[in-house]
C-alpha cells in the first residue's frame, strides 16, 4: 500500500485497484524468488561443510573458480549490452505514443490485455493492434541498426 501511495498518488482513482494488484503480485513474486535463492544457497553451502570442519572455516574457500564463471561478462560484453539497450530505448522513443504505451504496459509491466485496455481507456482489440504494430516497428528498427533477434 505504501508503494502505491508513494509512487502513484497522482493517478486517477479508477486506476489504483489495478496498480495495487500489480504491486502486490510483484511483491509476492519477489518474496518467493528471494526465498528460493536463499534456500538454494544455504543448502549448497551446508553440503560443502564436512562434519569435522570447525565453525570458522568458510565453505567458499574450498570452491574452485571455473573459467567463464563471470556471468556479467567482460568489458566488451558489457559495452555491447549497453549499446544494444541504448538502441532499444531509441527505438521505443521513436514509436508513436499509444503504441509505446501499449507495448510497455503489456511487455514491461506485464499487464494482460484487459488491464492494459482499462489503463489506456480503449478496447482490447486496440491494445492488440497497438502492441502488434509496436513490435513490428521495433523489430524493423532493430534490424536496420544491425541488432539480430
N, C-alpha and C. Protein backbone atom coordinates (compact mmCIF):
# COMPACT_ATOMS: atom_id res chain seq x y z
N UNK A 1 0.82 -1.18 0.00
CA UNK A 1 0.00 0.00 0.00
C UNK A 1 0.88 1.26 0.00
N UNK A 2 2.02 1.19 0.71
CA UNK A 2 2.91 2.34 0.75
C UNK A 2 3.50 2.63 -0.63
N UNK A 3 3.87 1.59 -1.36
CA UNK A 3 4.40 1.80 -2.71
C UNK A 3 3.38 2.49 -3.59
N UNK A 4 2.14 2.09 -3.47
CA UNK A 4 1.07 2.70 -4.25
C UNK A 4 0.95 4.18 -3.90
N UNK A 5 0.95 4.48 -2.61
CA UNK A 5 0.80 5.86 -2.18
C UNK A 5 2.01 6.71 -2.56
N UNK A 6 3.21 6.13 -2.47
CA UNK A 6 4.42 6.89 -2.77
C UNK A 6 4.58 7.16 -4.27
N UNK A 7 4.29 6.17 -5.08
CA UNK A 7 4.62 6.28 -6.50
C UNK A 7 3.46 6.67 -7.40
N UNK A 8 2.23 6.40 -6.96
CA UNK A 8 1.10 6.60 -7.86
C UNK A 8 0.02 7.49 -7.26
N UNK A 9 0.38 8.40 -6.40
CA UNK A 9 -0.60 9.28 -5.77
C UNK A 9 -1.28 10.19 -6.78
N UNK A 10 -0.60 10.47 -7.88
CA UNK A 10 -1.16 11.38 -8.88
C UNK A 10 -2.08 10.69 -9.89
N UNK A 11 -2.22 9.37 -9.80
CA UNK A 11 -3.05 8.63 -10.75
C UNK A 11 -4.53 8.77 -10.39
N UNK A 12 -5.42 8.64 -11.38
CA UNK A 12 -6.86 8.69 -11.10
C UNK A 12 -7.29 7.50 -10.23
N UNK A 13 -8.34 7.71 -9.47
CA UNK A 13 -8.79 6.70 -8.50
C UNK A 13 -9.19 5.39 -9.17
N UNK A 14 -9.71 5.44 -10.40
CA UNK A 14 -10.15 4.21 -11.05
C UNK A 14 -8.98 3.33 -11.51
N UNK A 15 -7.75 3.87 -11.58
CA UNK A 15 -6.59 3.07 -11.95
C UNK A 15 -5.91 2.43 -10.74
N UNK A 16 -6.20 2.92 -9.56
CA UNK A 16 -5.50 2.47 -8.36
C UNK A 16 -5.69 0.99 -8.04
N UNK A 17 -6.90 0.40 -8.20
CA UNK A 17 -7.01 -1.04 -7.89
C UNK A 17 -6.11 -1.91 -8.75
N UNK A 18 -6.01 -1.61 -10.05
CA UNK A 18 -5.13 -2.39 -10.92
C UNK A 18 -3.67 -2.21 -10.55
N UNK A 19 -3.29 -0.98 -10.25
CA UNK A 19 -1.91 -0.72 -9.86
C UNK A 19 -1.57 -1.42 -8.56
N UNK A 20 -2.48 -1.37 -7.60
CA UNK A 20 -2.26 -2.04 -6.32
C UNK A 20 -2.13 -3.54 -6.52
N UNK A 21 -2.98 -4.11 -7.35
CA UNK A 21 -2.92 -5.56 -7.62
C UNK A 21 -1.58 -5.93 -8.23
N UNK A 22 -1.08 -5.14 -9.17
CA UNK A 22 0.20 -5.42 -9.82
C UNK A 22 1.34 -5.29 -8.81
N UNK A 23 1.32 -4.27 -7.98
CA UNK A 23 2.36 -4.09 -6.96
C UNK A 23 2.35 -5.27 -6.00
N UNK A 24 1.17 -5.70 -5.59
CA UNK A 24 1.05 -6.83 -4.66
C UNK A 24 1.58 -8.12 -5.30
N UNK A 25 1.20 -8.37 -6.55
CA UNK A 25 1.68 -9.58 -7.24
C UNK A 25 3.20 -9.56 -7.37
N UNK A 26 3.77 -8.42 -7.73
CA UNK A 26 5.22 -8.34 -7.87
C UNK A 26 5.93 -8.52 -6.53
N UNK A 27 5.37 -7.97 -5.47
CA UNK A 27 5.97 -8.13 -4.14
C UNK A 27 5.95 -9.60 -3.71
N UNK A 28 4.85 -10.28 -3.97
CA UNK A 28 4.76 -11.70 -3.62
C UNK A 28 5.76 -12.51 -4.43
N UNK A 29 5.84 -12.25 -5.73
CA UNK A 29 6.80 -12.96 -6.58
C UNK A 29 8.23 -12.72 -6.10
N UNK A 30 8.55 -11.45 -5.80
CA UNK A 30 9.90 -11.13 -5.34
C UNK A 30 10.22 -11.87 -4.05
N UNK A 31 9.26 -11.93 -3.13
CA UNK A 31 9.46 -12.63 -1.87
C UNK A 31 9.79 -14.10 -2.11
N UNK A 32 9.01 -14.77 -2.94
CA UNK A 32 9.24 -16.19 -3.19
C UNK A 32 10.54 -16.42 -3.97
N UNK A 33 10.88 -15.52 -4.87
CA UNK A 33 12.16 -15.66 -5.58
C UNK A 33 13.33 -15.54 -4.61
N UNK A 34 13.29 -14.53 -3.75
CA UNK A 34 14.36 -14.37 -2.76
C UNK A 34 14.43 -15.59 -1.84
N UNK A 35 13.28 -16.08 -1.43
CA UNK A 35 13.22 -17.25 -0.55
C UNK A 35 13.87 -18.45 -1.22
N UNK A 36 13.55 -18.66 -2.49
CA UNK A 36 14.08 -19.80 -3.23
C UNK A 36 15.60 -19.69 -3.37
N UNK A 37 16.09 -18.50 -3.69
CA UNK A 37 17.53 -18.30 -3.84
C UNK A 37 18.24 -18.50 -2.51
N UNK A 38 17.68 -17.97 -1.44
CA UNK A 38 18.30 -18.13 -0.12
C UNK A 38 18.36 -19.59 0.28
N UNK A 39 17.27 -20.30 0.09
CA UNK A 39 17.27 -21.71 0.49
C UNK A 39 18.22 -22.52 -0.39
N UNK A 40 18.33 -22.18 -1.66
CA UNK A 40 19.26 -22.87 -2.54
C UNK A 40 20.69 -22.69 -2.07
N UNK A 41 21.06 -21.45 -1.77
CA UNK A 41 22.43 -21.18 -1.35
C UNK A 41 22.74 -21.79 0.01
N UNK A 42 21.80 -21.72 0.94
CA UNK A 42 22.09 -22.31 2.25
C UNK A 42 22.22 -23.82 2.14
N UNK A 43 21.41 -24.43 1.27
CA UNK A 43 21.52 -25.87 1.06
C UNK A 43 22.85 -26.23 0.42
N UNK A 44 23.24 -25.48 -0.60
CA UNK A 44 24.51 -25.75 -1.28
C UNK A 44 25.69 -25.54 -0.35
N UNK A 45 25.68 -24.46 0.40
CA UNK A 45 26.80 -24.18 1.29
C UNK A 45 26.88 -25.18 2.44
N UNK A 46 25.73 -25.60 2.96
CA UNK A 46 25.77 -26.57 4.05
C UNK A 46 26.25 -27.94 3.55
N UNK A 47 26.04 -28.25 2.30
CA UNK A 47 26.51 -29.53 1.78
C UNK A 47 28.02 -29.53 1.56
N UNK A 48 28.64 -28.35 1.47
CA UNK A 48 30.08 -28.27 1.30
C UNK A 48 30.83 -28.50 2.60
N UNK A 49 30.18 -28.27 3.69
CA UNK A 49 30.82 -28.38 5.01
C UNK A 49 30.85 -29.84 5.44
N UNK A 50 32.02 -30.29 5.80
CA UNK A 50 32.12 -31.67 6.30
C UNK A 50 31.85 -31.67 7.80
N UNK A 51 31.65 -32.83 8.34
CA UNK A 51 31.28 -32.96 9.75
C UNK A 51 32.42 -32.56 10.68
N UNK A 52 33.68 -32.71 10.23
CA UNK A 52 34.79 -32.39 11.11
C UNK A 52 35.30 -30.96 10.93
N UNK A 53 34.62 -30.14 10.09
CA UNK A 53 35.01 -28.74 9.91
C UNK A 53 34.73 -27.95 11.18
N UNK A 54 35.62 -27.00 11.44
CA UNK A 54 35.34 -26.11 12.57
C UNK A 54 34.41 -24.99 12.10
N UNK A 55 33.87 -24.25 13.02
CA UNK A 55 32.86 -23.24 12.71
C UNK A 55 33.43 -22.04 11.96
N UNK A 56 34.75 -21.79 12.07
CA UNK A 56 35.33 -20.61 11.46
C UNK A 56 35.73 -20.81 10.00
N UNK A 57 35.65 -22.00 9.48
CA UNK A 57 36.06 -22.23 8.09
C UNK A 57 34.97 -21.74 7.15
N UNK A 58 35.41 -21.25 6.02
CA UNK A 58 34.49 -20.72 5.01
C UNK A 58 34.36 -21.74 3.89
N UNK A 59 33.15 -22.25 3.62
CA UNK A 59 32.99 -23.25 2.57
C UNK A 59 33.32 -22.72 1.19
N UNK A 60 33.23 -21.42 1.00
CA UNK A 60 33.55 -20.85 -0.30
C UNK A 60 35.04 -20.94 -0.61
N UNK A 61 35.86 -21.08 0.42
CA UNK A 61 37.30 -21.22 0.19
C UNK A 61 37.63 -22.54 -0.48
N UNK A 62 36.77 -23.53 -0.37
CA UNK A 62 37.04 -24.84 -0.95
C UNK A 62 36.64 -24.92 -2.43
N UNK A 63 35.89 -23.95 -2.92
CA UNK A 63 35.43 -23.99 -4.30
C UNK A 63 36.51 -23.47 -5.24
N UNK A 64 36.60 -24.09 -6.41
CA UNK A 64 37.50 -23.61 -7.44
C UNK A 64 36.70 -22.77 -8.42
N UNK A 65 37.29 -21.68 -8.88
CA UNK A 65 36.62 -20.81 -9.83
C UNK A 65 36.83 -21.36 -11.22
N UNK A 66 35.73 -21.52 -11.95
CA UNK A 66 35.81 -22.05 -13.30
C UNK A 66 35.98 -20.91 -14.29
N UNK A 67 36.60 -21.21 -15.42
CA UNK A 67 36.71 -20.22 -16.49
C UNK A 67 35.33 -19.89 -17.00
N UNK A 68 35.09 -18.63 -17.28
CA UNK A 68 33.78 -18.21 -17.79
C UNK A 68 32.72 -18.16 -16.72
N UNK A 69 33.10 -18.16 -15.45
CA UNK A 69 32.12 -18.14 -14.38
C UNK A 69 31.53 -16.75 -14.17
N UNK A 70 32.18 -15.75 -14.72
CA UNK A 70 31.67 -14.38 -14.56
C UNK A 70 30.46 -14.20 -15.46
N UNK A 71 29.28 -14.12 -14.88
CA UNK A 71 28.04 -14.06 -15.65
C UNK A 71 27.85 -12.73 -16.37
N UNK A 72 28.42 -11.67 -15.84
CA UNK A 72 28.25 -10.36 -16.46
C UNK A 72 29.12 -10.21 -17.70
N UNK A 73 30.09 -11.06 -17.84
CA UNK A 73 30.97 -10.98 -18.99
C UNK A 73 32.03 -9.93 -18.78
N UNK A 74 32.89 -9.85 -19.75
CA UNK A 74 33.97 -8.88 -19.67
C UNK A 74 33.51 -7.50 -20.11
N UNK A 75 34.45 -6.58 -20.18
CA UNK A 75 34.11 -5.22 -20.59
C UNK A 75 33.50 -5.14 -21.99
N UNK A 76 33.96 -6.00 -22.90
CA UNK A 76 33.42 -5.98 -24.26
C UNK A 76 31.94 -6.37 -24.27
N UNK A 77 31.59 -7.42 -23.52
CA UNK A 77 30.19 -7.86 -23.47
C UNK A 77 29.31 -6.82 -22.78
N UNK A 78 29.82 -6.20 -21.73
CA UNK A 78 29.05 -5.18 -21.03
C UNK A 78 28.83 -3.96 -21.91
N UNK A 79 29.85 -3.57 -22.66
CA UNK A 79 29.71 -2.43 -23.58
C UNK A 79 28.71 -2.75 -24.67
N UNK A 80 28.80 -3.94 -25.23
CA UNK A 80 27.86 -4.34 -26.28
C UNK A 80 26.43 -4.35 -25.76
N UNK A 81 26.25 -4.89 -24.56
CA UNK A 81 24.92 -4.95 -23.95
C UNK A 81 24.36 -3.54 -23.72
N UNK A 82 25.19 -2.63 -23.25
CA UNK A 82 24.71 -1.26 -23.01
C UNK A 82 24.39 -0.55 -24.33
N UNK A 83 25.15 -0.84 -25.39
CA UNK A 83 24.87 -0.25 -26.69
C UNK A 83 23.54 -0.77 -27.25
N UNK A 84 23.30 -2.06 -27.11
CA UNK A 84 22.04 -2.64 -27.57
C UNK A 84 20.86 -2.04 -26.79
N UNK A 85 21.03 -1.88 -25.49
CA UNK A 85 19.97 -1.28 -24.68
C UNK A 85 19.69 0.16 -25.12
N UNK A 86 20.73 0.90 -25.45
CA UNK A 86 20.54 2.27 -25.92
C UNK A 86 19.77 2.28 -27.25
N UNK A 87 20.07 1.33 -28.12
CA UNK A 87 19.36 1.23 -29.40
C UNK A 87 17.90 0.88 -29.17
N UNK A 88 17.64 -0.04 -28.25
CA UNK A 88 16.25 -0.42 -27.94
C UNK A 88 15.48 0.77 -27.37
N UNK A 89 16.12 1.51 -26.47
CA UNK A 89 15.47 2.70 -25.90
C UNK A 89 15.18 3.73 -26.98
N UNK A 90 16.10 3.90 -27.91
CA UNK A 90 15.88 4.83 -29.02
C UNK A 90 14.72 4.36 -29.88
N UNK A 91 14.65 3.06 -30.14
CA UNK A 91 13.54 2.50 -30.91
C UNK A 91 12.21 2.72 -30.22
N UNK A 92 12.19 2.56 -28.90
CA UNK A 92 10.95 2.81 -28.15
C UNK A 92 10.54 4.27 -28.21
N UNK A 93 11.52 5.17 -28.15
CA UNK A 93 11.22 6.60 -28.23
C UNK A 93 10.65 6.98 -29.60
N UNK A 94 11.03 6.25 -30.63
CA UNK A 94 10.55 6.55 -31.99
C UNK A 94 9.13 6.06 -32.24
N UNK A 95 8.63 5.20 -31.39
CA UNK A 95 7.26 4.68 -31.57
C UNK A 95 6.24 5.79 -31.28
N UNK A 96 5.09 5.73 -31.94
CA UNK A 96 4.02 6.65 -31.57
C UNK A 96 3.61 6.42 -30.11
N UNK A 97 3.09 7.46 -29.48
CA UNK A 97 2.80 7.43 -28.05
C UNK A 97 1.92 6.25 -27.65
N UNK A 98 0.83 6.02 -28.35
CA UNK A 98 -0.10 4.96 -27.97
C UNK A 98 0.52 3.57 -28.16
N UNK A 99 1.30 3.39 -29.22
CA UNK A 99 1.98 2.11 -29.42
C UNK A 99 3.01 1.86 -28.32
N UNK A 100 3.78 2.90 -27.99
CA UNK A 100 4.77 2.77 -26.93
C UNK A 100 4.10 2.46 -25.59
N UNK A 101 2.99 3.15 -25.32
CA UNK A 101 2.26 2.93 -24.07
C UNK A 101 1.74 1.49 -23.99
N UNK A 102 1.13 1.01 -25.06
CA UNK A 102 0.60 -0.35 -25.07
C UNK A 102 1.72 -1.37 -24.95
N UNK A 103 2.80 -1.17 -25.67
CA UNK A 103 3.92 -2.10 -25.66
C UNK A 103 4.54 -2.19 -24.26
N UNK A 104 4.79 -1.05 -23.63
CA UNK A 104 5.41 -1.04 -22.30
C UNK A 104 4.49 -1.61 -21.24
N UNK A 105 3.21 -1.30 -21.32
CA UNK A 105 2.28 -1.85 -20.33
C UNK A 105 2.16 -3.37 -20.47
N UNK A 106 2.10 -3.85 -21.69
CA UNK A 106 1.94 -5.30 -21.90
C UNK A 106 3.22 -6.08 -21.60
N UNK A 107 4.35 -5.62 -22.12
CA UNK A 107 5.55 -6.44 -22.06
C UNK A 107 6.53 -6.03 -20.97
N UNK A 108 6.50 -4.78 -20.54
CA UNK A 108 7.40 -4.36 -19.47
C UNK A 108 6.71 -4.47 -18.12
N UNK A 109 5.49 -3.95 -18.03
CA UNK A 109 4.73 -4.00 -16.78
C UNK A 109 3.97 -5.32 -16.62
N UNK A 110 3.93 -6.13 -17.67
CA UNK A 110 3.31 -7.45 -17.67
C UNK A 110 1.82 -7.42 -17.34
N UNK A 111 1.13 -6.39 -17.80
CA UNK A 111 -0.33 -6.35 -17.65
C UNK A 111 -0.94 -7.22 -18.75
N UNK A 112 -2.10 -7.80 -18.47
CA UNK A 112 -2.75 -8.55 -19.54
C UNK A 112 -3.51 -7.57 -20.44
N UNK A 113 -4.12 -8.09 -21.49
CA UNK A 113 -4.77 -7.24 -22.48
C UNK A 113 -5.91 -6.43 -21.86
N UNK A 114 -6.71 -7.06 -21.01
CA UNK A 114 -7.84 -6.37 -20.39
C UNK A 114 -7.37 -5.25 -19.47
N UNK A 115 -6.34 -5.52 -18.66
CA UNK A 115 -5.82 -4.49 -17.77
C UNK A 115 -5.22 -3.33 -18.56
N UNK A 116 -4.49 -3.66 -19.61
CA UNK A 116 -3.89 -2.62 -20.45
C UNK A 116 -4.97 -1.77 -21.10
N UNK A 117 -6.01 -2.41 -21.59
CA UNK A 117 -7.12 -1.67 -22.21
C UNK A 117 -7.77 -0.73 -21.20
N UNK A 118 -7.94 -1.20 -19.98
CA UNK A 118 -8.56 -0.36 -18.96
C UNK A 118 -7.67 0.83 -18.62
N UNK A 119 -6.37 0.60 -18.48
CA UNK A 119 -5.45 1.68 -18.15
C UNK A 119 -5.39 2.70 -19.29
N UNK A 120 -5.38 2.21 -20.53
CA UNK A 120 -5.27 3.10 -21.69
C UNK A 120 -6.61 3.73 -22.06
N UNK A 121 -7.70 3.16 -21.57
CA UNK A 121 -9.02 3.69 -21.91
C UNK A 121 -9.43 3.38 -23.33
N UNK A 122 -9.14 2.17 -23.79
CA UNK A 122 -9.51 1.78 -25.15
C UNK A 122 -9.95 0.32 -25.12
N UNK A 123 -10.29 -0.22 -26.28
CA UNK A 123 -10.75 -1.61 -26.35
C UNK A 123 -9.56 -2.56 -26.35
N UNK A 124 -9.84 -3.83 -26.05
CA UNK A 124 -8.80 -4.85 -26.07
C UNK A 124 -8.23 -5.04 -27.47
N UNK A 125 -9.09 -4.92 -28.48
CA UNK A 125 -8.62 -5.03 -29.86
C UNK A 125 -7.62 -3.94 -30.21
N UNK A 126 -7.86 -2.72 -29.70
CA UNK A 126 -6.92 -1.63 -29.95
C UNK A 126 -5.57 -1.91 -29.29
N UNK A 127 -5.61 -2.48 -28.09
CA UNK A 127 -4.36 -2.82 -27.40
C UNK A 127 -3.58 -3.83 -28.23
N UNK A 128 -4.27 -4.86 -28.72
CA UNK A 128 -3.59 -5.89 -29.53
C UNK A 128 -2.99 -5.28 -30.79
N UNK A 129 -3.75 -4.39 -31.43
CA UNK A 129 -3.27 -3.73 -32.65
C UNK A 129 -2.05 -2.87 -32.36
N UNK A 130 -2.13 -2.05 -31.30
CA UNK A 130 -1.01 -1.19 -30.94
C UNK A 130 0.24 -2.01 -30.60
N UNK A 131 0.05 -3.09 -29.86
CA UNK A 131 1.19 -3.95 -29.47
C UNK A 131 1.82 -4.61 -30.70
N UNK A 132 0.98 -5.10 -31.59
CA UNK A 132 1.49 -5.76 -32.79
C UNK A 132 2.27 -4.77 -33.65
N UNK A 133 1.70 -3.60 -33.87
CA UNK A 133 2.40 -2.59 -34.67
C UNK A 133 3.70 -2.15 -34.02
N UNK A 134 3.67 -1.99 -32.70
CA UNK A 134 4.88 -1.58 -31.98
C UNK A 134 5.96 -2.65 -32.09
N UNK A 135 5.58 -3.91 -31.93
CA UNK A 135 6.56 -5.00 -32.01
C UNK A 135 7.18 -5.07 -33.40
N UNK A 136 6.34 -4.94 -34.44
CA UNK A 136 6.86 -4.99 -35.80
C UNK A 136 7.77 -3.79 -36.09
N UNK A 137 7.36 -2.60 -35.65
CA UNK A 137 8.18 -1.41 -35.86
C UNK A 137 9.50 -1.50 -35.12
N UNK A 138 9.44 -1.98 -33.89
CA UNK A 138 10.66 -2.10 -33.10
C UNK A 138 11.59 -3.15 -33.69
N UNK A 139 11.04 -4.27 -34.16
CA UNK A 139 11.87 -5.31 -34.78
C UNK A 139 12.54 -4.78 -36.05
N UNK A 140 11.78 -4.03 -36.85
CA UNK A 140 12.36 -3.46 -38.08
C UNK A 140 13.45 -2.44 -37.74
N UNK A 141 13.22 -1.63 -36.72
CA UNK A 141 14.20 -0.63 -36.30
C UNK A 141 15.48 -1.33 -35.83
N UNK A 142 15.32 -2.35 -35.02
CA UNK A 142 16.50 -3.07 -34.51
C UNK A 142 17.27 -3.75 -35.65
N UNK A 143 16.52 -4.33 -36.59
CA UNK A 143 17.16 -4.99 -37.73
C UNK A 143 17.94 -3.97 -38.57
N UNK A 144 17.37 -2.77 -38.74
CA UNK A 144 18.07 -1.73 -39.52
C UNK A 144 19.32 -1.25 -38.81
N UNK A 145 19.38 -1.40 -37.52
CA UNK A 145 20.56 -1.00 -36.74
C UNK A 145 21.55 -2.15 -36.55
N UNK A 146 21.25 -3.31 -37.13
CA UNK A 146 22.18 -4.43 -37.08
C UNK A 146 22.04 -5.30 -35.84
N UNK A 147 20.92 -5.14 -35.11
CA UNK A 147 20.69 -5.97 -33.94
C UNK A 147 19.86 -7.16 -34.37
N UNK A 148 20.43 -8.36 -34.24
CA UNK A 148 19.69 -9.55 -34.63
C UNK A 148 18.93 -10.07 -33.42
N UNK A 149 17.73 -10.55 -33.67
CA UNK A 149 16.89 -11.04 -32.59
C UNK A 149 17.04 -12.52 -32.40
